[in-house]
Amino acid sequence: MPFVLYSAYRIALVFISVIVLYQFGMRGWLLWVWAVVLALLISYAVLGRPREQASQYLAQRRQRRKAGHRFSEKDESYFAEEDEAIERSATIELAKQDVPTKDAAEGLGGEEQAEAE
């Protein structure tokens, strides 16, 4: 996921900025403020490609959600396979229980009526 990777790069830049500014003697809360500002400027200049990939990923994800797809294509195909397996096992269980179907029940009723007459 490009968005996670881009976020990790930005967090790493903040910590690198803290280390560099600490080496130059900056301390306290001002160290963190300047580290965030410095990381923001560096990320804007250096992380253009990961930022673009992250924005494309988010745009594609938004389009998929608008189209009614909640999960990725891979997940949706897995869920469809899982649903089919559940339906197959339910059908097998019903067959094992020897549950009469509608046709069998009608046939049974017809024979009983003939015997009763």
PDB file of N, CA and C in Angstrom:
ATOM      1  N   MET A   1       0.827  -1.165   0.000  1.00  0.00           N
ATOM      2  CA  MET A   1       0.000   0.000   0.000  1.00  0.00           C
ATOM      3  C   MET A   1       0.884   1.245   0.000  1.00  0.00           C
ATOM      4  N   PRO A   2       0.810   1.985  -1.043  1.00  0.00           N
ATOM      5  CA  PRO A   2       1.658   3.174  -1.176  1.00  0.00           C
ATOM      6  C   PRO A   2       1.403   4.227  -0.103  1.00  0.00           C
ATOM      7  N   PHE A   3       0.168   4.305   0.384  1.00  0.00           N
ATOM      8  CA  PHE A   3      -0.151   5.313   1.396  1.00  0.00           C
ATOM      9  C   PHE A   3       0.603   5.034   2.702  1.00  0.00           C
ATOM     10  N   VAL A   4       0.683   3.779   3.084  1.00  0.00           N
ATOM     11  CA  VAL A   4       1.400   3.397   4.299  1.00  0.00           C
ATOM     12  C   VAL A   4       2.888   3.667   4.137  1.00  0.00           C
ATOM     13  N   LEU A   5       3.413   3.339   2.978  1.00  0.00           N
ATOM     14  CA  LEU A   5       4.831   3.575   2.714  1.00  0.00           C
ATOM     15  C   LEU A   5       5.160   5.070   2.752  1.00  0.00           C
ATOM     16  N   TYR A   6       4.328   5.886   2.145  1.00  0.00           N
ATOM     17  CA  TYR A   6       4.536   7.330   2.156  1.00  0.00           C
ATOM     18  C   TYR A   6       4.474   7.881   3.582  1.00  0.00           C
ATOM     19  N   SER A   7       3.525   7.394   4.362  1.00  0.00           N
ATOM     20  CA  SER A   7       3.413   7.832   5.754  1.00  0.00           C
ATOM     21  C   SER A   7       4.646   7.429   6.555  1.00  0.00           C
ATOM     22  N   ALA A   8       5.149   6.232   6.319  1.00  0.00           N
ATOM     23  CA  ALA A   8       6.355   5.775   7.017  1.00  0.00           C
ATOM     24  C   ALA A   8       7.554   6.648   6.648  1.00  0.00           C
ATOM     25  N   TYR A   9       7.677   7.020   5.385  1.00  0.00           N
ATOM     26  CA  TYR A   9       8.762   7.922   4.969  1.00  0.00           C
ATOM     27  C   TYR A   9       8.673   9.256   5.700  1.00  0.00           C
ATOM     28  N   ARG A  10       7.479   9.784   5.809  1.00  0.00           N
ATOM     29  CA  ARG A  10       7.314  11.085   6.472  1.00  0.00           C
ATOM     30  C   ARG A  10       7.625  11.009   7.960  1.00  0.00           C
ATOM     31  N   ILE A  11       7.200   9.942   8.608  1.00  0.00           N
ATOM     32  CA  ILE A  11       7.514   9.770  10.032  1.00  0.00           C
ATOM     33  C   ILE A  11       9.015   9.616  10.224  1.00  0.00           C
ATOM     34  N   ALA A  12       9.648   8.856   9.332  1.00  0.00           N
ATOM     35  CA  ALA A  12      11.108   8.695   9.410  1.00  0.00           C
ATOM     36  C   ALA A  12      11.809  10.039   9.234  1.00  0.00           C
ATOM     37  N   LEU A  13      11.304  10.878   8.334  1.00  0.00           N
ATOM     38  CA  LEU A  13      11.897  12.203   8.142  1.00  0.00           C
ATOM     39  C   LEU A  13      11.776  13.067   9.399  1.00  0.00           C
ATOM     40  N   VAL A  14      10.682  12.944  10.119  1.00  0.00           N
ATOM     41  CA  VAL A  14      10.530  13.700  11.362  1.00  0.00           C
ATOM     42  C   VAL A  14      11.593  13.265  12.369  1.00  0.00           C
ATOM     43  N   PHE A  15      11.775  11.972  12.521  1.00  0.00           N
ATOM     44  CA  PHE A  15      12.761  11.489  13.490  1.00  0.00           C
ATOM     45  C   PHE A  15      14.192  11.804  13.068  1.00  0.00           C
ATOM     46  N   ILE A  16      14.469  11.739  11.783  1.00  0.00           N
ATOM     47  CA  ILE A  16      15.798  12.135  11.304  1.00  0.00           C
ATOM     48  C   ILE A  16      16.027  13.613  11.564  1.00  0.00           C
ATOM     49  N   SER A  17      15.009  14.414  11.344  1.00  0.00           N
ATOM     50  CA  SER A  17      15.118  15.853  11.616  1.00  0.00           C
ATOM     51  C   SER A  17      15.359  16.113  13.104  1.00  0.00           C
ATOM     52  N   VAL A  18      14.696  15.358  13.966  1.00  0.00           N
ATOM     53  CA  VAL A  18      14.903  15.507  15.404  1.00  0.00           C
ATOM     54  C   VAL A  18      16.355  15.208  15.762  1.00  0.00           C
ATOM     55  N   ILE A  19      16.887  14.135  15.201  1.00  0.00           N
ATOM     56  CA  ILE A  19      18.276  13.761  15.493  1.00  0.00           C
ATOM     57  C   ILE A  19      19.241  14.850  15.032  1.00  0.00           C
ATOM     58  N   VAL A  20      19.034  15.341  13.811  1.00  0.00           N
ATOM     59  CA  VAL A  20      19.934  16.375  13.271  1.00  0.00           C
ATOM     60  C   VAL A  20      19.829  17.659  14.087  1.00  0.00           C
ATOM     61  N   LEU A  21      18.622  18.101  14.384  1.00  0.00           N
ATOM     62  CA  LEU A  21      18.455  19.333  15.164  1.00  0.00           C
ATOM     63  C   LEU A  21      18.960  19.177  16.596  1.00  0.00           C
ATOM     64  N   TYR A  22      18.847  17.996  17.156  1.00  0.00           N
ATOM     65  CA  TYR A  22      19.373  17.739  18.495  1.00  0.00           C
ATOM     66  C   TYR A  22      20.898  17.859  18.498  1.00  0.00           C
ATOM     67  N   GLN A  23      21.497  17.370  17.415  1.00  0.00           N
ATOM     68  CA  GLN A  23      22.964  17.466  17.297  1.00  0.00           C
ATOM     69  C   GLN A  23      23.420  18.921  17.204  1.00  0.00           C
ATOM     70  N   PHE A  24      22.568  19.770  16.672  1.00  0.00           N
ATOM     71  CA  PHE A  24      22.908  21.196  16.577  1.00  0.00           C
ATOM     72  C   PHE A  24      22.554  21.956  17.851  1.00  0.00           C
ATOM     73  N   GLY A  25      22.094  21.258  18.882  1.00  0.00           N
ATOM     74  CA  GLY A  25      21.885  21.881  20.172  1.00  0.00           C
ATOM     75  C   GLY A  25      20.470  22.320  20.471  1.00  0.00           C
ATOM     76  N   MET A  26      19.538  22.026  19.630  1.00  0.00           N
ATOM     77  CA  MET A  26      18.156  22.424  19.889  1.00  0.00           C
ATOM     78  C   MET A  26      17.521  21.437  20.864  1.00  0.00           C
ATOM     79  N   ARG A  27      16.763  21.945  21.838  1.00  0.00           N
ATOM     80  CA  ARG A  27      16.143  21.094  22.850  1.00  0.00           C
ATOM     81  C   ARG A  27      14.711  21.558  23.105  1.00  0.00           C
ATOM     82  N   GLY A  28      13.956  20.733  23.839  1.00  0.00           N
ATOM     83  CA  GLY A  28      12.619  21.110  24.264  1.00  0.00           C
ATOM     84  C   GLY A  28      11.568  20.940  23.182  1.00  0.00           C
ATOM     85  N   TRP A  29      10.425  21.583  23.422  1.00  0.00           N
ATOM     86  CA  TRP A  29       9.305  21.458  22.497  1.00  0.00           C
ATOM     87  C   TRP A  29       9.585  22.126  21.158  1.00  0.00           C
ATOM     88  N   LEU A  30      10.482  23.113  21.183  1.00  0.00           N
ATOM     89  CA  LEU A  30      10.837  23.788  19.940  1.00  0.00           C
ATOM     90  C   LEU A  30      11.570  22.847  18.974  1.00  0.00           C
ATOM     91  N   LEU A  31      12.296  21.893  19.544  1.00  0.00           N
ATOM     92  CA  LEU A  31      12.968  20.878  18.725  1.00  0.00           C
ATOM     93  C   LEU A  31      11.946  20.138  17.870  1.00  0.00           C
ATOM     94  N   TRP A  32      10.816  19.723  18.483  1.00  0.00           N
ATOM     95  CA  TRP A  32       9.802  18.961  17.760  1.00  0.00           C
ATOM     96  C   TRP A  32       9.060  19.820  16.738  1.00  0.00           C
ATOM     97  N   VAL A  33       8.819  21.057  17.077  1.00  0.00           N
ATOM     98  CA  VAL A  33       8.139  21.957  16.130  1.00  0.00           C
ATOM     99  C   VAL A  33       9.001  22.143  14.888  1.00  0.00           C
ATOM    100  N   TRP A  34      10.281  22.462  15.093  1.00  0.00           N
ATOM    101  CA  TRP A  34      11.165  22.666  13.948  1.00  0.00           C
ATOM    102  C   TRP A  34      11.409  21.368  13.176  1.00  0.00           C
ATOM    103  N   ALA A  35      11.423  20.246  13.873  1.00  0.00           N
ATOM    104  CA  ALA A  35      11.613  18.956  13.197  1.00  0.00           C
ATOM    105  C   ALA A  35      10.430  18.668  12.267  1.00  0.00           C
ATOM    106  N   VAL A  36       9.230  18.951  12.728  1.00  0.00           N
ATOM    107  CA  VAL A  36       8.046  18.719  11.897  1.00  0.00           C
ATOM    108  C   VAL A  36       8.047  19.651  10.686  1.00  0.00           C
ATOM    109  N   VAL A  37       8.403  20.922  10.910  1.00  0.00           N
ATOM    110  CA  VAL A  37       8.453  21.882   9.799  1.00  0.00           C
ATOM    111  C   VAL A  37       9.525  21.476   8.799  1.00  0.00           C
ATOM    112  N   LEU A  38      10.695  21.102   9.293  1.00  0.00           N
ATOM    113  CA  LEU A  38      11.781  20.681   8.406  1.00  0.00           C
ATOM    114  C   LEU A  38      11.400  19.420   7.631  1.00  0.00           C
ATOM    115  N   ALA A  39      10.782  18.460   8.308  1.00  0.00           N
ATOM    116  CA  ALA A  39      10.358  17.224   7.642  1.00  0.00           C
ATOM    117  C   ALA A  39       9.295  17.514   6.587  1.00  0.00           C
ATOM    118  N   LEU A  40       8.413  18.467   6.863  1.00  0.00           N
ATOM    119  CA  LEU A  40       7.388  18.851   5.896  1.00  0.00           C
ATOM    120  C   LEU A  40       8.022  19.403   4.623  1.00  0.00           C
ATOM    121  N   LEU A  41       8.993  20.279   4.794  1.00  0.00           N
ATOM    122  CA  LEU A  41       9.662  20.855   3.626  1.00  0.00           C
ATOM    123  C   LEU A  41      10.458  19.812   2.845  1.00  0.00           C
ATOM    124  N   ILE A  42      11.164  18.969   3.569  1.00  0.00           N
ATOM    125  CA  ILE A  42      11.958  17.930   2.898  1.00  0.00           C
ATOM    126  C   ILE A  42      11.043  16.942   2.179  1.00  0.00           C
ATOM    127  N   SER A  43       9.947  16.547   2.818  1.00  0.00           N
ATOM    128  CA  SER A  43       9.050  15.581   2.178  1.00  0.00           C
ATOM    129  C   SER A  43       8.400  16.157   0.929  1.00  0.00           C
ATOM    130  N   TYR A  44       8.098  17.442   0.949  1.00  0.00           N
ATOM    131  CA  TYR A  44       7.515  18.067  -0.233  1.00  0.00           C
ATOM    132  C   TYR A  44       8.516  18.060  -1.387  1.00  0.00           C
ATOM    133  N   ALA A  45       9.790  18.295  -1.068  1.00  0.00           N
ATOM    134  CA  ALA A  45      10.812  18.366  -2.105  1.00  0.00           C
ATOM    135  C   ALA A  45      11.280  16.990  -2.574  1.00  0.00           C
ATOM    136  N   VAL A  46      11.359  16.032  -1.667  1.00  0.00           N
ATOM    137  CA  VAL A  46      12.008  14.759  -1.984  1.00  0.00           C
ATOM    138  C   VAL A  46      11.009  13.637  -2.279  1.00  0.00           C
ATOM    139  N   LEU A  47       9.869  13.632  -1.633  1.00  0.00           N
ATOM    140  CA  LEU A  47       8.946  12.501  -1.732  1.00  0.00           C
ATOM    141  C   LEU A  47       7.818  12.734  -2.733  1.00  0.00           C
ATOM    142  N   GLY A  48       8.127  13.320  -3.847  1.00  0.00           N
ATOM    143  CA  GLY A  48       7.102  13.585  -4.857  1.00  0.00           C
ATOM    144  C   GLY A  48       6.506  12.330  -5.451  1.00  0.00           C
ATOM    145  N   ARG A  49       7.361  11.381  -5.819  1.00  0.00           N
ATOM    146  CA  ARG A  49       6.876  10.154  -6.450  1.00  0.00           C
ATOM    147  C   ARG A  49       6.037   9.305  -5.482  1.00  0.00           C
ATOM    148  N   PRO A  50       6.515   9.048  -4.251  1.00  0.00           N
ATOM    149  CA  PRO A  50       5.657   8.292  -3.325  1.00  0.00           C
ATOM    150  C   PRO A  50       4.345   9.011  -3.004  1.00  0.00           C
ATOM    151  N   ARG A  51       4.376  10.343  -2.958  1.00  0.00           N
ATOM    152  CA  ARG A  51       3.153  11.109  -2.706  1.00  0.00           C
ATOM    153  C   ARG A  51       2.169  10.920  -3.851  1.00  0.00           C
ATOM    154  N   GLU A  52       2.661  10.938  -5.063  1.00  0.00           N
ATOM    155  CA  GLU A  52       1.801  10.749  -6.235  1.00  0.00           C
ATOM    156  C   GLU A  52       1.204   9.337  -6.252  1.00  0.00           C
ATOM    157  N   GLN A  53       2.015   8.336  -5.932  1.00  0.00           N
ATOM    158  CA  GLN A  53       1.509   6.962  -5.879  1.00  0.00           C
ATOM    159  C   GLN A  53       0.449   6.805  -4.799  1.00  0.00           C
ATOM    160  N   ALA A  54       0.679   7.450  -3.651  1.00  0.00           N
ATOM    161  CA  ALA A  54      -0.302   7.381  -2.562  1.00  0.00           C
ATOM    162  C   ALA A  54      -1.609   8.060  -2.967  1.00  0.00           C
ATOM    163  N   SER A  55      -1.523   9.183  -3.640  1.00  0.00           N
ATOM    164  CA  SER A  55      -2.748   9.875  -4.045  1.00  0.00           C
ATOM    165  C   SER A  55      -3.502   9.080  -5.112  1.00  0.00           C
ATOM    166  N   GLN A  56      -2.784   8.432  -6.021  1.00  0.00           N
ATOM    167  CA  GLN A  56      -3.450   7.588  -7.019  1.00  0.00           C
ATOM    168  C   GLN A  56      -4.130   6.391  -6.355  1.00  0.00           C
ATOM    169  N   TYR A  57      -3.456   5.801  -5.376  1.00  0.00           N
ATOM    170  CA  TYR A  57      -4.033   4.673  -4.646  1.00  0.00           C
ATOM    171  C   TYR A  57      -5.335   5.092  -3.956  1.00  0.00           C
ATOM    172  N   LEU A  58      -5.313   6.234  -3.293  1.00  0.00           N
ATOM    173  CA  LEU A  58      -6.506   6.703  -2.596  1.00  0.00           C
ATOM    174  C   LEU A  58      -7.634   7.056  -3.569  1.00  0.00           C
ATOM    175  N   ALA A  59      -7.279   7.628  -4.722  1.00  0.00           N
ATOM    176  CA  ALA A  59      -8.296   7.960  -5.725  1.00  0.00           C
ATOM    177  C   ALA A  59      -8.943   6.697  -6.288  1.00  0.00           C
ATOM    178  N   GLN A  60      -8.136   5.673  -6.568  1.00  0.00           N
ATOM    179  CA  GLN A  60      -8.680   4.412  -7.074  1.00  0.00           C
ATOM    180  C   GLN A  60      -9.573   3.743  -6.031  1.00  0.00           C
ATOM    181  N   ARG A  61      -9.136   3.813  -4.806  1.00  0.00           N
ATOM    182  CA  ARG A  61      -9.928   3.210  -3.730  1.00  0.00           C
ATOM    183  C   ARG A  61     -11.274   3.923  -3.585  1.00  0.00           C
ATOM    184  N   ARG A  62     -11.260   5.231  -3.712  1.00  0.00           N
ATOM    185  CA  ARG A  62     -12.499   5.995  -3.608  1.00  0.00           C
ATOM    186  C   ARG A  62     -13.452   5.651  -4.759  1.00  0.00           C
ATOM    187  N   GLN A  63     -12.909   5.499  -5.968  1.00  0.00           N
ATOM    188  CA  GLN A  63     -13.744   5.136  -7.119  1.00  0.00           C
ATOM    189  C   GLN A  63     -14.362   3.755  -6.931  1.00  0.00           C
ATOM    190  N   ARG A  64     -13.579   2.810  -6.409  1.00  0.00           N
ATOM    191  CA  ARG A  64     -14.107   1.466  -6.167  1.00  0.00           C
ATOM    192  C   ARG A  64     -15.236   1.504  -5.138  1.00  0.00           C
ATOM    193  N   ARG A  65     -15.067   2.308  -4.111  1.00  0.00           N
ATOM    194  CA  ARG A  65     -16.117   2.400  -3.083  1.00  0.00           C
ATOM    195  C   ARG A  65     -17.376   3.030  -3.643  1.00  0.00           C
ATOM    196  N   LYS A  66     -17.226   4.046  -4.500  1.00  0.00           N
ATOM    197  CA  LYS A  66     -18.394   4.665  -5.121  1.00  0.00           C
ATOM    198  C   LYS A  66     -19.112   3.670  -6.022  1.00  0.00           C
ATOM    199  N   ALA A  67     -18.349   2.756  -6.635  1.00  0.00           N
ATOM    200  CA  ALA A  67     -18.936   1.757  -7.519  1.00  0.00           C
ATOM    201  C   ALA A  67     -19.593   0.620  -6.730  1.00  0.00           C
ATOM    202  N   GLY A  68     -19.484   0.652  -5.418  1.00  0.00           N
ATOM    203  CA  GLY A  68     -20.147  -0.354  -4.606  1.00  0.00           C
ATOM    204  C   GLY A  68     -19.246  -1.476  -4.139  1.00  0.00           C
ATOM    205  N   HIS A  69     -17.971  -1.418  -4.448  1.00  0.00           N
ATOM    206  CA  HIS A  69     -17.034  -2.447  -4.006  1.00  0.00           C
ATOM    207  C   HIS A  69     -16.397  -1.999  -2.702  1.00  0.00           C
ATOM    208  N   ARG A  70     -16.595  -2.814  -1.678  1.00  0.00           N
ATOM    209  CA  ARG A  70     -16.087  -2.429  -0.366  1.00  0.00           C
ATOM    210  C   ARG A  70     -14.670  -2.914  -0.135  1.00  0.00           C
ATOM    211  N   PHE A  71     -14.305  -4.043  -0.758  1.00  0.00           N
ATOM    212  CA  PHE A  71     -12.993  -4.637  -0.554  1.00  0.00           C
ATOM    213  C   PHE A  71     -12.228  -4.669  -1.871  1.00  0.00           C
ATOM    214  N   SER A  72     -10.969  -5.084  -1.808  1.00  0.00           N
ATOM    215  CA  SER A  72     -10.161  -5.198  -3.021  1.00  0.00           C
ATOM    216  C   SER A  72     -10.679  -6.363  -3.868  1.00  0.00           C
ATOM    217  N   GLU A  73     -10.276  -6.394  -5.126  1.00  0.00           N
ATOM    218  CA  GLU A  73     -10.727  -7.461  -6.026  1.00  0.00           C
ATOM    219  C   GLU A  73     -10.282  -8.824  -5.510  1.00  0.00           C
ATOM    220  N   LYS A  74      -9.079  -8.891  -4.985  1.00  0.00           N
ATOM    221  CA  LYS A  74      -8.551 -10.144  -4.445  1.00  0.00           C
ATOM    222  C   LYS A  74      -9.411 -10.629  -3.284  1.00  0.00           C
ATOM    223  N   ASP A  75      -9.745  -9.724  -2.374  1.00  0.00           N
ATOM    224  CA  ASP A  75     -10.573 -10.094  -1.228  1.00  0.00           C
ATOM    225  C   ASP A  75     -11.965 -10.508  -1.665  1.00  0.00           C
ATOM    226  N   GLU A  76     -12.547  -9.781  -2.609  1.00  0.00           N
ATOM    227  CA  GLU A  76     -13.891 -10.107  -3.067  1.00  0.00           C
ATOM    228  C   GLU A  76     -13.935 -11.475  -3.743  1.00  0.00           C
ATOM    229  N   SER A  77     -12.904 -11.829  -4.522  1.00  0.00           N
ATOM    230  CA  SER A  77     -12.886 -13.159  -5.144  1.00  0.00           C
ATOM    231  C   SER A  77     -12.724 -14.240  -4.076  1.00  0.00           C
ATOM    232  N   TYR A  78     -11.924 -13.960  -3.052  1.00  0.00           N
ATOM    233  CA  TYR A  78     -11.770 -14.918  -1.950  1.00  0.00           C
ATOM    234  C   TYR A  78     -13.096 -15.112  -1.229  1.00  0.00           C
ATOM    235  N   PHE A  79     -13.800 -14.017  -0.963  1.00  0.00           N
ATOM    236  CA  PHE A  79     -15.088 -14.103  -0.278  1.00  0.00           C
ATOM    237  C   PHE A  79     -16.104 -14.872  -1.123  1.00  0.00           C
ATOM    238  N   ALA A  80     -16.069 -14.681  -2.440  1.00  0.00           N
ATOM    239  CA  ALA A  80     -16.993 -15.406  -3.318  1.00  0.00           C
ATOM    240  C   ALA A  80     -16.701 -16.910  -3.273  1.00  0.00           C
ATOM    241  N   GLU A  81     -15.418 -17.277  -3.287  1.00  0.00           N
ATOM    242  CA  GLU A  81     -15.047 -18.696  -3.187  1.00  0.00           C
ATOM    243  C   GLU A  81     -15.488 -19.271  -1.848  1.00  0.00           C
ATOM    244  N   GLU A  82     -15.320 -18.492  -0.802  1.00  0.00           N
ATOM    245  CA  GLU A  82     -15.727 -18.940   0.528  1.00  0.00           C
ATOM    246  C   GLU A  82     -17.247 -19.138   0.593  1.00  0.00           C
ATOM    247  N   ASP A  83     -18.005 -18.236   0.000  1.00  0.00           N
ATOM    248  CA  ASP A  83     -19.465 -18.367  -0.024  1.00  0.00           C
ATOM    249  C   ASP A  83     -19.889 -19.622  -0.773  1.00  0.00           C
ATOM    250  N   GLU A  84     -19.220 -19.893  -1.901  1.00  0.00           N
ATOM    251  CA  GLU A  84     -19.540 -21.093  -2.670  1.00  0.00           C
ATOM    252  C   GLU A  84     -19.253 -22.353  -1.863  1.00  0.00           C
ATOM    253  N   ALA A  85     -18.145 -22.355  -1.140  1.00  0.00           N
ATOM    254  CA  ALA A  85     -17.805 -23.516  -0.319  1.00  0.00           C
ATOM    255  C   ALA A  85     -18.831 -23.718   0.789  1.00  0.00           C
ATOM    256  N   ILE A  86     -19.289 -22.650   1.383  1.00  0.00           N
ATOM    257  CA  ILE A  86     -20.307 -22.750   2.436  1.00  0.00           C
ATOM    258  C   ILE A  86     -21.611 -23.287   1.862  1.00  0.00           C
ATOM    259  N   GLU A  87     -22.006 -22.804   0.689  1.00  0.00           N
ATOM    260  CA  GLU A  87     -23.235 -23.285   0.060  1.00  0.00           C
ATOM    261  C   GLU A  87     -23.132 -24.764  -0.293  1.00  0.00           C
ATOM    262  N   ARG A  88     -21.952 -25.190  -0.797  1.00  0.00           N
ATOM    263  CA  ARG A  88     -21.753 -26.605  -1.122  1.00  0.00           C
ATOM    264  C   ARG A  88     -21.859 -27.465   0.135  1.00  0.00           C
ATOM    265  N   SER A  89     -21.234 -27.019   1.220  1.00  0.00           N
ATOM    266  CA  SER A  89     -21.282 -27.813   2.450  1.00  0.00           C
ATOM    267  C   SER A  89     -22.694 -27.853   3.016  1.00  0.00           C
ATOM    268  N   ALA A  90     -23.445 -26.772   2.883  1.00  0.00           N
ATOM    269  CA  ALA A  90     -24.828 -26.759   3.357  1.00  0.00           C
ATOM    270  C   ALA A  90     -25.675 -27.724   2.532  1.00  0.00           C
ATOM    271  N   THR A  91     -25.434 -27.787   1.228  1.00  0.00           N
ATOM    272  CA  THR A  91     -26.168 -28.703   0.357  1.00  0.00           C
ATOM    273  C   THR A  91     -25.845 -30.145   0.718  1.00  0.00           C
ATOM    274  N   ILE A  92     -24.586 -30.423   0.997  1.00  0.00           N
ATOM    275  CA  ILE A  92     -24.173 -31.777   1.385  1.00  0.00           C
ATOM    276  C   ILE A  92     -24.812 -32.161   2.719  1.00  0.00           C
ATOM    277  N   GLU A  93     -24.846 -31.239   3.662  1.00  0.00           N
ATOM    278  CA  GLU A  93     -25.457 -31.511   4.962  1.00  0.00           C
ATOM    279  C   GLU A  93     -26.941 -31.801   4.817  1.00  0.00           C
ATOM    280  N   LEU A  94     -27.625 -31.055   3.963  1.00  0.00           N
ATOM    281  CA  LEU A  94     -29.049 -31.308   3.747  1.00  0.00           C
ATOM    282  C   LEU A  94     -29.270 -32.670   3.117  1.00  0.00           C
ATOM    283  N   ALA A  95     -28.378 -33.055   2.206  1.00  0.00           N
ATOM    284  CA  ALA A  95     -28.507 -34.359   1.566  1.00  0.00           C
ATOM    285  C   ALA A  95     -28.262 -35.469   2.582  1.00  0.00           C
ATOM    286  N   LYS A  96     -27.352 -35.284   3.502  1.00  0.00           N
ATOM    287  CA  LYS A  96     -27.072 -36.287   4.531  1.00  0.00           C
ATOM    288  C   LYS A  96     -28.247 -36.441   5.493  1.00  0.00           C
ATOM    289  N   GLN A  97     -28.937 -35.357   5.752  1.00  0.00           N
ATOM    290  CA  GLN A  97     -30.070 -35.394   6.675  1.00  0.00           C
ATOM    291  C   GLN A  97     -31.297 -36.023   6.029  1.00  0.00           C
ATOM    292  N   ASP A  98     -31.245 -36.257   4.725  1.00  0.00           N
ATOM    293  CA  ASP A  98     -32.341 -36.856   3.974  1.00  0.00           C
ATOM    294  C   ASP A  98     -33.630 -36.060   4.155  1.00  0.00           C
ATOM    295  N   VAL A  99     -33.507 -34.769   3.961  1.00  0.00           N
ATOM    296  CA  VAL A  99     -34.655 -33.889   4.048  1.00  0.00           C
ATOM    297  C   VAL A  99     -35.468 -34.042   2.775  1.00  0.00           C
ATOM    298  N   PRO A 100     -36.762 -34.344   2.897  1.00  0.00           N
ATOM    299  CA  PRO A 100     -37.566 -34.515   1.682  1.00  0.00           C
ATOM    300  C   PRO A 100     -37.735 -33.189   0.948  1.00  0.00           C
ATOM    301  N   THR A 101     -37.637 -33.275  -0.333  1.00  0.00           N
ATOM    302  CA  THR A 101     -37.838 -32.091  -1.154  1.00  0.00           C
ATOM    303  C   THR A 101     -39.321 -31.933  -1.437  1.00  0.00           C
ATOM    304  N   LYS A 102     -39.689 -30.876  -2.114  1.00  0.00           N
ATOM    305  CA  LYS A 102     -41.093 -30.600  -2.424  1.00  0.00           C
ATOM    306  C   LYS A 102     -41.670 -31.695  -3.320  1.00  0.00           C
ATOM    307  N   ASP A 103     -40.875 -32.130  -4.324  1.00  0.00           N
ATOM    308  CA  ASP A 103     -41.356 -33.174  -5.235  1.00  0.00           C
ATOM    309  C   ASP A 103     -41.562 -34.482  -4.492  1.00  0.00           C
ATOM    310  N   ALA A 104     -40.647 -34.819  -3.602  1.00  0.00           N
ATOM    311  CA  ALA A 104     -40.778 -36.074  -2.862  1.00  0.00           C
ATOM    312  C   ALA A 104     -41.982 -36.025  -1.934  1.00  0.00           C
ATOM    313  N   ALA A 105     -42.225 -34.888  -1.330  1.00  0.00           N
ATOM    314  CA  ALA A 105     -43.371 -34.752  -0.423  1.00  0.00           C
ATOM    315  C   ALA A 105     -44.678 -34.884  -1.198  1.00  0.00           C
ATOM    316  N   GLU A 106     -44.750 -34.350  -2.390  1.00  0.00           N
ATOM    317  CA  GLU A 106     -45.962 -34.472  -3.206  1.00  0.00           C
ATOM    318  C   GLU A 106     -46.185 -35.925  -3.613  1.00  0.00           C
ATOM    319  N   GLY A 107     -45.117 -36.612  -3.965  1.00  0.00           N
ATOM    320  CA  GLY A 107     -45.234 -38.014  -4.359  1.00  0.00           C
ATOM    321  C   GLY A 107     -45.692 -38.872  -3.206  1.00  0.00           C
ATOM    322  N   LEU A 108     -45.185 -38.584  -2.008  1.00  0.00           N
ATOM    323  CA  LEU A 108     -45.560 -39.338  -0.828  1.00  0.00           C
ATOM    324  C   LEU A 108     -47.028 -39.101  -0.485  1.00  0.00           C
ATOM    325  N   GLY A 109     -47.448 -37.901  -0.616  1.00  0.00           N
ATOM    326  CA  GLY A 109     -48.851 -37.566  -0.325  1.00  0.00           C
ATOM    327  C   GLY A 109     -49.794 -38.251  -1.287  1.00  0.00           C
ATOM    328  N   GLY A 110     -49.401 -38.377  -2.525  1.00  0.00           N
ATOM    329  CA  GLY A 110     -50.237 -39.025  -3.520  1.00  0.00           C
ATOM    330  C   GLY A 110     -50.418 -40.499  -3.232  1.00  0.00           C
ATOM    331  N   GLU A 111     -49.373 -41.197  -2.811  1.00  0.00           N
ATOM    332  CA  GLU A 111     -49.462 -42.618  -2.501  1.00  0.00           C
ATOM    333  C   GLU A 111     -50.353 -42.855  -1.284  1.00  0.00           C
ATOM    334  N   GLU A 112     -50.217 -41.991  -0.284  1.00  0.00           N
ATOM    335  CA  GLU A 112     -51.016 -42.153   0.922  1.00  0.00           C
ATOM    336  C   GLU A 112     -52.505 -41.948   0.597  1.00  0.00           C
ATOM    337  N   GLN A 113     -52.779 -41.037  -0.312  1.00  0.00           N
ATOM    338  CA  GLN A 113     -54.178 -40.804  -0.674  1.00  0.00           C
ATOM    339  C   GLN A 113     -54.761 -42.018  -1.393  1.00  0.00           C
ATOM    340  N   ALA A 114     -53.927 -42.656  -2.228  1.00  0.00           N
ATOM    341  CA  ALA A 114     -54.415 -43.820  -2.962  1.00  0.00           C
ATOM    342  C   ALA A 114     -54.676 -44.975  -2.017  1.00  0.00           C
ATOM    343  N   GLU A 115     -53.845 -45.161  -0.986  1.00  0.00           N
ATOM    344  CA  GLU A 115     -54.045 -46.230  -0.029  1.00  0.00           C
ATOM    345  C   GLU A 115     -55.273 -45.981   0.829  1.00  0.00           C
ATOM    346  N   ALA A 116     -55.534 -44.708   1.119  1.00  0.00           N
ATOM    347  CA  ALA A 116     -56.653 -44.374   1.977  1.00  0.00           C
ATOM    348  C   ALA A 116     -57.987 -44.649   1.276  1.00  0.00           C
ATOM    349  N   GLU A 117     -57.998 -44.599  -0.052  1.00  0.00           N
ATOM    350  CA  GLU A 117     -59.245 -44.799  -0.783  1.00  0.00           C
ATOM    351  C   GLU A 117     -59.466 -46.235  -0.911  1.00  0.00           C
TER     352      GLU A 117
END
